[in-house]
N, C-alpha and C. Protein backbone atom coordinates (compact mmCIF):
# COMPACT_ATOMS: atom_id res chain seq x y z
N MET A 1 -3.56 -18.02 5.66
CA MET A 1 -3.62 -16.34 6.43
C MET A 1 -2.60 -16.33 6.58
N GLN A 2 -1.38 -15.75 6.58
CA GLN A 2 -0.68 -15.04 7.47
C GLN A 2 -1.63 -14.15 8.18
N SER A 3 -1.39 -14.05 9.86
CA SER A 3 -0.70 -13.56 10.57
C SER A 3 0.03 -12.66 10.92
N PRO A 4 -0.33 -11.65 11.48
CA PRO A 4 0.67 -10.46 12.13
C PRO A 4 1.29 -11.23 13.33
N SER A 5 2.56 -10.71 13.35
CA SER A 5 3.02 -11.13 14.67
C SER A 5 4.29 -9.82 15.11
N MET A 6 4.48 -9.80 16.73
CA MET A 6 5.03 -8.51 16.86
C MET A 6 6.17 -8.30 16.03
N LYS A 7 6.69 -9.79 15.48
CA LYS A 7 8.13 -10.10 15.20
C LYS A 7 8.15 -8.69 13.25
N SER A 8 6.24 -8.46 13.25
CA SER A 8 6.02 -8.00 11.72
C SER A 8 6.30 -6.47 12.36
N ILE A 9 7.02 -5.90 13.03
CA ILE A 9 6.64 -4.50 14.22
C ILE A 9 7.94 -3.97 12.81
N LEU A 10 7.99 -3.22 12.11
CA LEU A 10 9.57 -2.81 11.47
C LEU A 10 10.39 -1.65 12.25
N PHE A 11 8.87 -0.62 13.22
CA PHE A 11 9.78 0.07 14.21
C PHE A 11 8.87 1.28 14.91
N GLN A 12 9.18 0.94 15.91
CA GLN A 12 8.41 1.89 17.13
C GLN A 12 9.00 2.64 18.10
N ASN A 13 8.63 3.77 18.02
CA ASN A 13 8.61 4.52 19.34
C ASN A 13 7.87 4.78 20.05
N GLU A 14 7.37 5.99 20.78
CA GLU A 14 6.80 5.94 21.88
C GLU A 14 5.46 7.47 21.17
N HIS A 15 6.08 7.31 19.52
CA HIS A 15 5.23 8.15 18.00
C HIS A 15 4.22 7.50 17.52
N LEU A 16 4.58 6.45 17.07
CA LEU A 16 5.10 5.68 15.66
C LEU A 16 4.77 4.76 15.88
N ILE A 17 4.22 3.60 15.14
CA ILE A 17 4.63 2.45 14.79
C ILE A 17 4.70 1.56 13.52
N ALA A 18 4.97 1.91 12.50
CA ALA A 18 5.79 0.58 11.61
C ALA A 18 5.30 -0.62 11.76
N ILE A 19 4.40 -1.21 11.08
CA ILE A 19 3.83 -3.41 10.66
C ILE A 19 3.46 -3.65 8.93
N HIS A 20 3.88 -4.58 9.19
CA HIS A 20 4.31 -5.39 7.54
C HIS A 20 2.77 -5.16 7.39
N LYS A 21 1.79 -4.90 7.14
CA LYS A 21 0.43 -5.63 7.53
C LYS A 21 0.56 -6.58 5.96
N PRO A 22 0.25 -7.61 6.53
CA PRO A 22 -0.26 -9.09 5.55
C PRO A 22 -1.77 -8.51 4.76
N SER A 23 -1.36 -9.57 3.68
CA SER A 23 -2.60 -9.18 2.66
C SER A 23 -3.62 -10.64 3.65
N GLY A 24 -4.69 -9.99 2.92
CA GLY A 24 -6.38 -10.44 3.51
C GLY A 24 -6.75 -10.10 4.97
N TRP A 25 -6.04 -8.76 5.10
CA TRP A 25 -6.50 -8.10 6.68
C TRP A 25 -6.82 -6.77 6.70
N LEU A 26 -7.66 -6.13 7.04
CA LEU A 26 -7.93 -4.97 6.92
C LEU A 26 -7.08 -3.81 7.58
N SER A 27 -6.59 -2.46 7.69
CA SER A 27 -5.96 -1.62 7.82
C SER A 27 -6.72 -1.22 9.18
N VAL A 28 -7.82 -1.08 8.77
CA VAL A 28 -8.44 0.20 10.01
C VAL A 28 -10.48 -0.47 9.96
N PRO A 29 -11.24 -0.71 10.71
CA PRO A 29 -12.19 -1.56 10.46
C PRO A 29 -13.37 -1.25 9.21
N GLY A 30 -14.33 -1.78 9.17
CA GLY A 30 -15.12 -0.77 7.96
C GLY A 30 -16.64 -0.77 8.60
N ARG A 31 -17.73 -0.77 7.58
CA ARG A 31 -18.37 -0.05 7.96
C ARG A 31 -19.04 -0.35 9.64
N GLU A 32 -18.58 -1.72 9.68
CA GLU A 32 -19.85 -2.25 11.75
C GLU A 32 -18.44 -1.40 12.74
N GLY A 33 -17.71 -0.73 11.85
CA GLY A 33 -16.70 -0.13 13.26
C GLY A 33 -16.49 -0.89 14.13
N LYS A 34 -17.16 -1.06 15.32
CA LYS A 34 -16.86 -1.88 16.13
C LYS A 34 -16.92 -3.74 16.47
N ASN A 35 -17.89 -3.62 15.61
CA ASN A 35 -18.41 -4.93 15.90
C ASN A 35 -17.80 -5.64 14.23
N GLU A 36 -16.55 -4.99 13.66
CA GLU A 36 -16.14 -5.57 12.49
C GLU A 36 -16.08 -7.08 12.88
N GLN A 37 -16.15 -8.13 12.26
CA GLN A 37 -15.75 -9.34 12.29
C GLN A 37 -14.66 -9.97 11.28
N ARG A 38 -13.79 -8.99 10.74
CA ARG A 38 -12.99 -10.03 8.95
C ARG A 38 -11.99 -9.56 10.02
N ASP A 39 -10.81 -10.01 9.78
CA ASP A 39 -9.59 -9.14 10.49
C ASP A 39 -9.06 -8.12 10.17
N CYS A 40 -8.60 -7.56 11.23
CA CYS A 40 -8.40 -5.95 10.99
C CYS A 40 -7.16 -5.37 11.71
N LEU A 41 -5.90 -4.68 11.25
CA LEU A 41 -4.77 -4.76 11.99
C LEU A 41 -4.60 -3.41 13.12
N SER A 42 -5.61 -3.08 13.10
CA SER A 42 -5.40 -1.53 14.28
C SER A 42 -5.86 -2.37 15.60
N PHE A 43 -7.35 -3.41 15.59
CA PHE A 43 -8.01 -4.29 15.90
C PHE A 43 -6.37 -5.05 17.08
N TRP A 44 -6.12 -5.21 16.15
CA TRP A 44 -4.99 -6.38 16.43
C TRP A 44 -4.13 -5.86 17.17
N LEU A 45 -3.52 -4.76 16.69
CA LEU A 45 -2.93 -3.96 17.18
C LEU A 45 -2.72 -3.61 18.28
N GLN A 46 -4.04 -2.50 18.94
CA GLN A 46 -4.70 -1.93 20.07
C GLN A 46 -4.51 -2.49 21.20
N GLU A 47 -4.95 -4.06 21.25
CA GLU A 47 -4.93 -5.77 21.91
C GLU A 47 -3.87 -5.89 22.57
N ARG A 48 -3.01 -5.90 21.51
CA ARG A 48 -1.66 -5.99 21.80
C ARG A 48 -1.11 -4.96 22.87
N LEU A 49 -1.00 -4.20 22.25
CA LEU A 49 -0.60 -2.64 22.87
C LEU A 49 -0.61 -1.93 23.64
N LYS A 50 -1.95 -2.79 23.65
CA LYS A 50 -2.83 -1.96 25.36
C LYS A 50 -3.23 -0.23 24.78
N ILE A 51 -3.14 0.51 23.67
CA ILE A 51 -2.62 1.57 23.70
C ILE A 51 -4.19 1.46 22.33
N GLN A 52 -4.75 3.45 22.34
CA GLN A 52 -5.23 3.56 21.06
C GLN A 52 -3.72 3.85 20.55
N ILE A 53 -4.54 3.37 18.99
CA ILE A 53 -3.59 3.68 17.97
C ILE A 53 -4.72 4.47 16.96
N TYR A 54 -4.06 5.44 16.10
CA TYR A 54 -5.11 6.20 14.82
C TYR A 54 -4.06 5.88 13.55
N PRO A 55 -4.46 5.76 12.65
CA PRO A 55 -3.76 4.77 11.50
C PRO A 55 -4.25 6.49 10.42
N VAL A 56 -2.62 6.22 10.19
CA VAL A 56 -2.05 7.65 9.02
C VAL A 56 -2.60 7.65 7.63
N HIS A 57 -2.72 6.43 7.30
CA HIS A 57 -2.49 5.59 6.11
C HIS A 57 -3.70 4.54 5.61
N ARG A 58 -3.53 4.38 5.17
CA ARG A 58 -4.55 2.96 4.85
C ARG A 58 -3.79 2.02 3.12
N LEU A 59 -3.87 0.56 3.26
CA LEU A 59 -3.69 -0.67 3.01
C LEU A 59 -5.25 -1.39 2.15
N ASP A 60 -4.96 -1.21 0.93
CA ASP A 60 -6.62 -1.83 0.00
C ASP A 60 -6.32 -3.87 0.92
N ARG A 61 -7.02 -4.01 1.69
CA ARG A 61 -6.97 -5.75 2.45
C ARG A 61 -6.70 -6.69 1.30
N GLU A 62 -6.68 -6.71 -0.09
CA GLU A 62 -5.47 -7.32 -0.45
C GLU A 62 -3.83 -7.27 -0.53
N VAL A 63 -3.88 -5.71 0.09
CA VAL A 63 -2.64 -5.78 -0.19
C VAL A 63 -1.12 -6.04 0.81
N SER A 64 -0.19 -6.35 0.93
CA SER A 64 0.52 -6.28 2.05
C SER A 64 1.73 -5.55 2.10
N GLY A 65 2.05 -4.90 3.39
CA GLY A 65 3.71 -4.03 3.26
C GLY A 65 3.18 -3.48 4.34
N VAL A 66 4.26 -2.43 4.20
CA VAL A 66 4.17 -1.29 5.01
C VAL A 66 3.27 -0.19 5.96
N ILE A 67 3.03 -0.17 6.54
CA ILE A 67 1.35 0.97 7.34
C ILE A 67 2.01 1.29 8.57
N LEU A 68 2.09 2.36 8.48
CA LEU A 68 1.77 3.32 9.29
C LEU A 68 0.62 3.56 10.58
N TYR A 69 0.87 4.10 11.85
CA TYR A 69 -0.28 4.22 12.99
C TYR A 69 0.70 4.88 13.48
N ALA A 70 0.09 6.27 13.75
CA ALA A 70 0.13 6.93 14.86
C ALA A 70 -0.21 6.65 16.38
N LYS A 71 0.87 7.24 16.92
CA LYS A 71 0.44 6.54 18.87
C LYS A 71 -0.49 7.40 20.27
N ASN A 72 0.06 8.92 19.42
CA ASN A 72 -1.13 10.23 19.83
C ASN A 72 -1.26 10.44 19.16
N VAL A 73 -2.42 11.88 19.62
CA VAL A 73 -3.00 13.04 19.01
C VAL A 73 -2.32 13.65 17.68
N GLN A 74 -0.83 14.09 18.03
CA GLN A 74 0.26 15.26 17.65
C GLN A 74 0.20 14.29 16.48
N ALA A 75 1.21 13.21 16.16
CA ALA A 75 1.43 12.28 15.45
C ALA A 75 0.70 11.88 14.71
N HIS A 76 -0.35 12.16 15.28
CA HIS A 76 -1.79 11.27 13.59
C HIS A 76 -1.94 12.30 13.11
N ARG A 77 -2.30 13.54 13.44
CA ARG A 77 -2.55 14.86 13.20
C ARG A 77 -0.85 15.39 12.50
N GLU A 78 0.09 15.36 12.16
CA GLU A 78 1.15 15.81 11.13
C GLU A 78 1.62 15.25 10.51
N PHE A 79 1.53 13.37 10.76
CA PHE A 79 1.74 12.96 9.47
C PHE A 79 1.02 12.58 8.97
N ASN A 80 -0.24 12.46 8.94
CA ASN A 80 -1.22 12.85 8.46
C ASN A 80 -1.44 13.44 7.40
N MET A 81 -1.16 15.10 8.09
CA MET A 81 -1.33 16.01 6.86
C MET A 81 -0.08 15.38 5.83
N ALA A 82 1.38 14.85 6.38
CA ALA A 82 2.48 14.99 5.77
C ALA A 82 1.95 13.67 4.70
N PHE A 83 1.30 12.95 4.55
CA PHE A 83 0.56 11.94 3.65
C PHE A 83 -0.59 12.84 2.76
N GLU A 84 -0.93 13.28 2.96
CA GLU A 84 -2.09 14.03 1.85
C GLU A 84 -1.66 15.46 2.00
N ASN A 85 0.01 16.06 1.72
CA ASN A 85 0.38 16.63 1.66
C ASN A 85 1.92 15.85 0.18
N HIS A 86 1.63 15.11 0.38
CA HIS A 86 2.45 14.11 -0.35
C HIS A 86 4.15 14.32 -0.16
N SER A 87 4.54 14.83 0.63
CA SER A 87 5.20 14.50 1.09
C SER A 87 6.18 13.58 1.71
N ILE A 88 5.73 12.68 2.39
CA ILE A 88 6.19 11.32 2.55
C ILE A 88 6.24 10.93 1.35
N ARG A 89 7.03 10.10 0.72
CA ARG A 89 6.79 9.05 -0.54
C ARG A 89 6.71 7.92 -0.50
N LYS A 90 6.18 6.98 -1.00
CA LYS A 90 6.15 5.37 -0.69
C LYS A 90 5.65 5.02 -2.06
N THR A 91 6.88 3.59 -1.40
CA THR A 91 7.20 3.10 -3.21
C THR A 91 6.41 1.27 -2.51
N TYR A 92 6.18 0.73 -4.21
CA TYR A 92 5.39 -0.03 -3.67
C TYR A 92 6.10 -1.04 -4.95
N GLN A 93 5.78 -2.42 -4.95
CA GLN A 93 6.43 -3.29 -5.88
C GLN A 93 5.01 -4.32 -6.06
N ALA A 94 4.87 -3.96 -7.87
CA ALA A 94 3.90 -5.08 -7.91
C ALA A 94 4.32 -5.60 -9.43
N LEU A 95 3.72 -6.89 -9.34
CA LEU A 95 3.20 -8.47 -10.19
C LEU A 95 2.39 -8.15 -11.62
N SER A 96 3.04 -8.74 -12.41
CA SER A 96 2.13 -9.12 -13.36
C SER A 96 2.90 -9.87 -14.49
N LEU A 97 1.87 -10.72 -14.94
CA LEU A 97 2.27 -11.74 -15.73
C LEU A 97 1.98 -11.53 -17.08
N ASN A 98 1.68 -10.33 -17.40
CA ASN A 98 1.83 -9.75 -18.95
C ASN A 98 3.57 -9.23 -18.71
N CYS A 99 4.26 -9.32 -20.16
CA CYS A 99 6.05 -10.03 -19.88
C CYS A 99 5.58 -8.56 -21.45
N ASN A 100 4.99 -8.94 -22.29
CA ASN A 100 5.23 -8.19 -23.65
C ASN A 100 5.17 -6.62 -23.79
N ASP A 101 6.13 -5.98 -23.99
CA ASP A 101 6.26 -5.02 -24.63
C ASP A 101 6.51 -3.74 -23.22
N LEU A 102 7.10 -3.96 -22.67
CA LEU A 102 7.46 -3.62 -20.98
C LEU A 102 8.28 -2.19 -21.57
N PRO A 103 7.35 -1.30 -21.03
CA PRO A 103 7.68 0.38 -20.99
C PRO A 103 9.16 0.93 -20.67
N HIS A 104 9.88 1.69 -21.04
CA HIS A 104 10.58 2.39 -20.48
C HIS A 104 10.51 3.53 -19.20
N PRO A 105 11.02 3.22 -18.13
CA PRO A 105 10.22 4.13 -17.24
C PRO A 105 11.69 5.55 -17.60
N PRO A 106 11.98 6.54 -17.08
CA PRO A 106 10.20 6.60 -16.22
C PRO A 106 9.03 7.20 -16.90
N ILE A 107 7.86 6.77 -16.11
CA ILE A 107 6.36 6.90 -16.82
C ILE A 107 5.74 7.62 -15.63
N LYS A 108 5.06 8.52 -16.23
CA LYS A 108 3.79 9.17 -15.67
C LYS A 108 2.05 8.41 -15.57
N TRP A 109 1.47 8.55 -15.16
CA TRP A 109 0.45 7.96 -15.18
C TRP A 109 -0.78 9.43 -14.32
N GLU A 110 -1.36 9.95 -15.06
CA GLU A 110 -2.66 10.78 -14.70
C GLU A 110 -4.05 10.71 -15.09
N ASN A 111 -5.21 10.34 -14.40
CA ASN A 111 -6.86 10.50 -14.75
C ASN A 111 -6.87 11.14 -13.18
N LEU A 112 -8.37 10.99 -13.90
CA LEU A 112 -9.21 11.68 -12.41
C LEU A 112 -10.04 10.22 -12.34
N LEU A 113 -9.98 9.57 -10.80
CA LEU A 113 -10.57 8.56 -10.38
C LEU A 113 -12.24 9.34 -9.16
N VAL A 114 -12.62 7.68 -9.79
CA VAL A 114 -14.07 7.87 -9.44
C VAL A 114 -14.37 6.58 -7.76
N ARG A 115 -14.35 6.64 -6.70
CA ARG A 115 -14.00 5.30 -6.31
C ARG A 115 -16.40 4.98 -6.50
N GLY A 116 -16.43 3.82 -6.84
CA GLY A 116 -17.49 3.04 -6.67
C GLY A 116 -17.70 1.65 -5.90
N LYS A 117 -19.30 0.92 -5.69
CA LYS A 117 -19.06 0.85 -4.47
C LYS A 117 -18.64 -0.97 -4.43
N LYS A 118 -17.38 -1.36 -5.69
CA LYS A 118 -16.16 -2.23 -5.51
C LYS A 118 -15.48 -1.44 -6.30
N ARG A 119 -15.33 -1.30 -7.52
CA ARG A 119 -14.00 -0.83 -8.05
C ARG A 119 -14.09 0.96 -8.04
N SER A 120 -13.00 1.42 -8.50
CA SER A 120 -12.53 2.37 -8.47
C SER A 120 -12.10 2.44 -10.14
N PHE A 121 -13.12 3.78 -10.89
CA PHE A 121 -13.19 3.60 -12.75
C PHE A 121 -12.67 5.55 -12.39
N GLU A 122 -12.40 6.19 -14.21
CA GLU A 122 -12.37 7.11 -14.21
C GLU A 122 -12.95 7.96 -14.52
N ALA A 123 -12.86 8.94 -14.52
CA ALA A 123 -14.73 9.95 -14.70
C ALA A 123 -14.57 11.39 -15.01
N PRO A 124 -14.76 12.59 -15.82
CA PRO A 124 -14.58 14.05 -15.63
C PRO A 124 -14.57 14.29 -14.74
N HIS A 125 -15.06 13.83 -13.71
CA HIS A 125 -15.65 14.15 -12.20
C HIS A 125 -15.02 13.66 -11.51
N GLY A 126 -14.03 13.19 -11.55
CA GLY A 126 -13.33 12.37 -10.25
C GLY A 126 -12.01 13.43 -9.65
N LYS A 127 -11.23 12.79 -8.91
CA LYS A 127 -10.60 13.32 -7.81
C LYS A 127 -8.90 12.68 -8.79
N LYS A 128 -7.90 13.76 -9.04
CA LYS A 128 -6.72 13.51 -9.29
C LYS A 128 -6.17 12.19 -8.93
N ALA A 129 -5.27 11.52 -9.81
CA ALA A 129 -5.00 10.45 -9.27
C ALA A 129 -3.45 10.37 -10.27
N ILE A 130 -2.32 9.89 -9.43
CA ILE A 130 -0.67 10.75 -10.14
C ILE A 130 0.19 9.54 -9.49
N THR A 131 0.15 8.69 -10.78
CA THR A 131 1.21 7.30 -9.73
C THR A 131 2.47 7.71 -11.26
N GLU A 132 3.62 7.17 -10.60
CA GLU A 132 5.25 7.67 -10.99
C GLU A 132 5.71 6.05 -11.32
N VAL A 133 6.72 5.78 -12.19
CA VAL A 133 7.01 4.47 -12.36
C VAL A 133 8.37 4.48 -12.35
N SER A 134 9.41 4.00 -11.73
CA SER A 134 10.76 5.02 -11.77
C SER A 134 11.75 3.14 -12.22
N LYS A 135 11.06 2.21 -11.94
CA LYS A 135 11.73 0.95 -13.38
C LYS A 135 10.48 -0.18 -13.23
N VAL A 136 10.84 -0.93 -14.27
CA VAL A 136 10.52 -1.80 -14.76
C VAL A 136 11.65 -2.98 -15.26
N GLU A 137 11.09 -4.31 -14.98
CA GLU A 137 12.12 -5.23 -15.92
C GLU A 137 11.17 -6.76 -15.68
N LEU A 138 11.60 -8.19 -16.58
CA LEU A 138 11.06 -9.33 -16.31
C LEU A 138 11.82 -9.63 -14.97
N ALA A 139 10.95 -10.99 -14.79
CA ALA A 139 11.39 -10.78 -12.86
C ALA A 139 10.72 -12.95 -13.17
N SER A 140 11.28 -13.40 -11.74
CA SER A 140 10.42 -14.46 -12.14
C SER A 140 10.10 -14.86 -10.62
N PHE A 141 9.08 -15.20 -10.01
CA PHE A 141 8.54 -15.54 -8.50
C PHE A 141 7.67 -16.45 -8.49
N GLN A 142 7.71 -17.48 -7.85
CA GLN A 142 7.06 -18.86 -7.59
C GLN A 142 6.66 -18.95 -8.88
N ASN A 143 8.79 -18.87 -9.34
CA ASN A 143 8.64 -20.34 -10.45
C ASN A 143 8.01 -19.61 -12.08
N ARG A 144 6.73 -18.55 -11.82
CA ARG A 144 6.00 -18.01 -13.34
C ARG A 144 6.88 -16.91 -13.40
N GLN A 145 7.65 -16.77 -14.94
CA GLN A 145 7.77 -15.30 -15.51
C GLN A 145 7.27 -13.87 -15.63
N CYS A 146 7.26 -12.70 -15.12
CA CYS A 146 6.41 -11.65 -14.07
C CYS A 146 6.86 -10.36 -14.97
N SER A 147 6.45 -9.82 -14.96
CA SER A 147 7.07 -7.88 -15.43
C SER A 147 7.26 -7.68 -13.92
N LEU A 148 7.70 -6.61 -13.42
CA LEU A 148 8.18 -6.15 -11.52
C LEU A 148 7.76 -5.42 -12.67
N TRP A 149 6.89 -4.12 -10.89
CA TRP A 149 7.71 -2.68 -11.33
C TRP A 149 7.57 -2.15 -10.13
N LYS A 150 8.56 -1.27 -10.60
CA LYS A 150 8.43 -0.63 -9.12
C LYS A 150 7.89 1.24 -8.79
N LEU A 151 6.33 1.63 -8.50
CA LEU A 151 5.61 2.26 -8.23
C LEU A 151 5.73 3.50 -6.84
N HIS A 152 5.41 4.58 -7.56
CA HIS A 152 5.54 5.45 -6.68
C HIS A 152 4.39 6.86 -6.68
N PRO A 153 3.28 6.37 -6.14
CA PRO A 153 2.12 7.01 -6.33
C PRO A 153 1.77 8.46 -5.31
N VAL A 154 1.83 9.22 -6.22
CA VAL A 154 1.94 10.88 -5.78
C VAL A 154 0.55 10.88 -5.22
N THR A 155 -0.16 10.41 -5.39
CA THR A 155 -1.67 10.95 -4.75
C THR A 155 -1.80 9.32 -4.01
N GLY A 156 -2.84 9.42 -3.56
CA GLY A 156 -3.45 8.53 -2.96
C GLY A 156 -4.93 7.87 -3.00
N ARG A 157 -5.44 7.98 -4.19
CA ARG A 157 -6.94 7.46 -4.51
C ARG A 157 -7.53 6.17 -4.51
N SER A 158 -8.58 5.65 -4.10
CA SER A 158 -8.75 4.31 -3.52
C SER A 158 -7.91 2.97 -5.11
N HIS A 159 -7.61 2.64 -5.40
CA HIS A 159 -7.58 1.13 -6.08
C HIS A 159 -6.41 2.06 -7.11
N GLN A 160 -5.70 3.23 -6.42
CA GLN A 160 -5.05 4.23 -7.95
C GLN A 160 -4.14 3.14 -8.65
N LEU A 161 -3.17 2.48 -7.85
CA LEU A 161 -2.34 1.61 -8.98
C LEU A 161 -2.43 0.60 -9.69
N ARG A 162 -3.41 -0.28 -9.12
CA ARG A 162 -4.57 -0.87 -9.56
C ARG A 162 -4.71 -0.66 -11.04
N VAL A 163 -5.71 0.34 -10.88
CA VAL A 163 -6.67 1.19 -12.27
C VAL A 163 -6.03 1.06 -12.66
N HIS A 164 -4.02 1.77 -13.30
CA HIS A 164 -2.78 2.24 -14.04
C HIS A 164 -2.23 1.36 -14.07
N LEU A 165 -2.23 0.42 -13.60
CA LEU A 165 -1.52 -0.88 -13.84
C LEU A 165 -2.26 -1.21 -15.10
N SER A 166 -3.63 -1.69 -14.50
CA SER A 166 -4.56 -2.47 -15.75
C SER A 166 -4.71 -1.45 -16.86
N GLN A 167 -4.86 0.00 -17.27
CA GLN A 167 -5.45 0.11 -18.00
C GLN A 167 -4.07 0.57 -19.06
N ALA A 168 -2.71 0.25 -18.21
CA ALA A 168 -1.35 -0.07 -19.04
C ALA A 168 -1.33 -0.87 -19.16
N GLY A 169 -2.11 -2.32 -19.15
CA GLY A 169 -2.82 -3.48 -20.42
C GLY A 169 -1.86 -4.26 -19.36
N TYR A 170 -1.35 -3.95 -18.02
CA TYR A 170 -0.81 -4.81 -16.73
C TYR A 170 -1.26 -5.22 -15.82
N PRO A 171 -2.36 -5.38 -15.53
CA PRO A 171 -2.49 -5.78 -14.46
C PRO A 171 -2.54 -6.69 -13.49
N ILE A 172 -1.72 -6.12 -12.40
CA ILE A 172 -1.66 -7.06 -10.98
C ILE A 172 -1.98 -8.66 -10.87
N TRP A 173 -0.95 -9.25 -10.15
CA TRP A 173 -1.61 -10.26 -10.89
C TRP A 173 -2.02 -11.37 -9.37
N GLY A 174 -3.02 -11.95 -9.31
CA GLY A 174 -4.23 -11.73 -8.67
C GLY A 174 -5.39 -11.21 -8.29
N ASP A 175 -4.84 -9.84 -9.38
CA ASP A 175 -5.98 -8.54 -8.80
C ASP A 175 -7.41 -9.14 -9.98
N VAL A 176 -8.62 -9.89 -9.59
CA VAL A 176 -9.26 -10.06 -10.44
C VAL A 176 -10.56 -9.64 -10.98
N LEU A 177 -10.17 -8.39 -10.35
CA LEU A 177 -11.50 -7.09 -10.18
C LEU A 177 -10.93 -6.34 -11.12
N TYR A 178 -9.37 -6.18 -11.72
CA TYR A 178 -9.16 -5.57 -12.31
C TYR A 178 -7.99 -6.06 -13.41
N GLY A 179 -8.86 -7.50 -14.23
CA GLY A 179 -8.71 -8.02 -15.33
C GLY A 179 -7.35 -8.98 -14.78
N GLY A 180 -6.88 -9.34 -13.55
CA GLY A 180 -5.98 -10.27 -13.42
C GLY A 180 -6.31 -11.29 -12.90
N ASP A 181 -4.93 -12.22 -13.44
CA ASP A 181 -4.50 -14.01 -13.16
C ASP A 181 -6.19 -14.39 -11.51
N PRO A 182 -6.72 -15.30 -11.50
CA PRO A 182 -6.97 -15.41 -10.52
C PRO A 182 -5.90 -16.39 -10.20
N SER A 183 -4.82 -15.75 -8.94
CA SER A 183 -3.74 -16.88 -8.93
C SER A 183 -3.46 -17.91 -8.05
N PHE A 184 -4.36 -16.64 -6.42
CA PHE A 184 -3.76 -16.95 -4.78
C PHE A 184 -4.99 -17.00 -4.83
N GLU A 185 -4.89 -18.52 -3.50
CA GLU A 185 -6.62 -19.01 -3.26
C GLU A 185 -6.38 -17.98 -1.67
N ASP A 186 -5.44 -17.23 -1.45
CA ASP A 186 -6.27 -16.46 -0.53
C ASP A 186 -7.07 -15.12 -1.03
N GLY A 187 -6.91 -14.44 -1.92
CA GLY A 187 -7.63 -13.85 -2.16
C GLY A 187 -6.67 -12.54 -2.51
N SER A 188 -5.07 -12.51 -2.35
CA SER A 188 -4.15 -11.40 -2.41
C SER A 188 -4.26 -10.87 -3.72
N ILE A 189 -3.08 -10.33 -3.83
CA ILE A 189 -2.85 -9.80 -5.22
C ILE A 189 -1.54 -8.67 -5.22
N ALA A 190 -0.58 -9.73 -5.66
CA ALA A 190 0.80 -9.09 -6.04
C ALA A 190 1.21 -7.60 -6.26
N LEU A 191 0.64 -6.78 -5.28
CA LEU A 191 1.58 -5.31 -4.46
C LEU A 191 1.86 -5.25 -3.26
N ARG A 192 2.81 -5.02 -2.65
CA ARG A 192 3.21 -4.83 -1.82
C ARG A 192 3.71 -3.17 -1.53
N SER A 193 3.42 -2.34 -0.40
CA SER A 193 4.10 -1.36 0.07
C SER A 193 5.52 -1.66 0.53
N ILE A 194 6.65 -1.49 0.14
CA ILE A 194 7.42 -1.82 0.47
C ILE A 194 8.85 -1.11 0.84
N ARG A 195 8.46 0.36 0.87
CA ARG A 195 8.93 1.73 1.54
C ARG A 195 8.32 3.03 1.93
N ALA A 196 8.82 3.56 2.56
CA ALA A 196 8.08 4.80 2.43
C ALA A 196 8.78 5.48 3.61
N ASP A 197 9.55 6.77 2.58
CA ASP A 197 10.25 7.84 2.95
C ASP A 197 10.09 8.99 3.96
N ILE A 198 10.44 9.14 4.78
CA ILE A 198 9.75 10.03 5.63
C ILE A 198 10.56 11.70 5.87
N PRO A 199 10.03 13.22 5.73
CA PRO A 199 10.74 14.06 5.51
C PRO A 199 11.56 14.65 6.81
N VAL A 200 12.64 15.18 6.74
CA VAL A 200 13.17 15.24 8.17
C VAL A 200 12.67 16.19 8.91
N ASN A 201 11.65 16.84 8.74
CA ASN A 201 11.04 17.92 10.05
C ASN A 201 10.49 16.14 10.84
N LEU A 202 9.74 15.42 10.09
CA LEU A 202 8.95 14.66 10.47
C LEU A 202 10.56 13.70 11.75
N CYS A 203 11.08 13.64 10.71
CA CYS A 203 11.74 13.12 11.49
C CYS A 203 12.79 12.92 12.54
N LEU A 204 13.04 14.25 13.11
CA LEU A 204 13.57 14.96 14.48
C LEU A 204 12.73 14.99 15.60
N LYS A 205 11.34 15.75 13.97
CA LYS A 205 10.46 15.95 15.92
C LYS A 205 10.10 14.70 16.62
N PHE A 206 9.91 13.22 15.90
CA PHE A 206 9.17 12.09 16.39
C PHE A 206 10.07 11.15 16.66
N GLY A 207 10.95 11.24 15.98
CA GLY A 207 12.48 10.94 16.17
C GLY A 207 12.46 9.06 15.32
N VAL A 208 12.00 9.34 13.88
CA VAL A 208 11.49 8.81 13.52
C VAL A 208 12.90 8.41 12.30
N PRO A 209 12.98 7.47 11.78
CA PRO A 209 14.32 7.05 10.65
C PRO A 209 13.58 7.79 9.60
N ALA A 210 14.81 7.96 8.81
CA ALA A 210 14.50 8.69 7.40
C ALA A 210 13.72 7.80 6.18
N PHE A 211 13.85 6.81 6.40
CA PHE A 211 12.68 5.95 5.69
C PHE A 211 13.01 4.63 6.61
N ILE A 212 11.33 3.83 6.49
CA ILE A 212 10.65 2.08 7.13
C ILE A 212 10.66 1.53 5.25
N GLU A 213 11.10 0.69 5.88
CA GLU A 213 10.77 -0.46 3.97
C GLU A 213 10.83 -2.07 4.88
N THR A 214 10.30 -2.26 4.13
CA THR A 214 9.66 -4.63 4.67
C THR A 214 10.17 -4.89 3.15
N GLU A 215 10.29 -5.94 3.39
CA GLU A 215 10.62 -7.40 2.26
C GLU A 215 10.53 -7.22 0.99
N LYS A 216 10.88 -7.59 0.29
CA LYS A 216 9.98 -6.92 -1.65
C LYS A 216 9.53 -8.25 -1.92
N PHE A 217 9.17 -8.35 -3.18
CA PHE A 217 8.03 -9.50 -3.97
C PHE A 217 9.65 -10.59 -4.34
N VAL A 218 10.31 -9.43 -5.08
CA VAL A 218 11.79 -9.66 -5.60
C VAL A 218 13.03 -8.59 -5.38
N SER A 219 13.53 -8.50 -5.21
CA SER A 219 15.32 -8.04 -4.92
C SER A 219 15.19 -7.53 -6.29
N ASP A 220 15.73 -5.88 -6.15
CA ASP A 220 16.03 -5.63 -7.36
C ASP A 220 17.15 -4.71 -7.21
């Protein structure tokens, strides 16, 4: 399993820290709270930075990439609100082993999702989930041909991108929960948060860059 390091930090100042989360690590502790035994990035950061940090969004345990934590209550409140208002634009890459009949972007997927015990599923009483697709192309990764997706979740429902790609017939490589090929021994899936675009008002107020990005699966 890949462990995080201080070299994984993408940006930090007195208000915010952005880090590349490895797959296999929790963003925040689960139901066990302070007794959480699994690898947890928020615990790891607090131990090394010696300060209280506050998550402003989350990534699934199986997902890697850019994640943001606030270093104070005010930044936490305003960045969290920006995520809730969809004013921070998130970009993900995903890989699928299905390369047949690739659609032509732009694409918009929209449905109502409910989070169950392990999976999310579509239901009339669910919450609206919207995903935009800006690019789809053939690619090669680990010597296998695959389809490469660039995704922008407008909303942030649990497992949203995983469900939408699976429903479209292109389950994410490694995502066995939603029909993907069980290819990765560490249980990771080929879904990565590669960029967060931050609105100008937050950039000016908190001294952060207009965007924060990390390495991609495949360069585009």
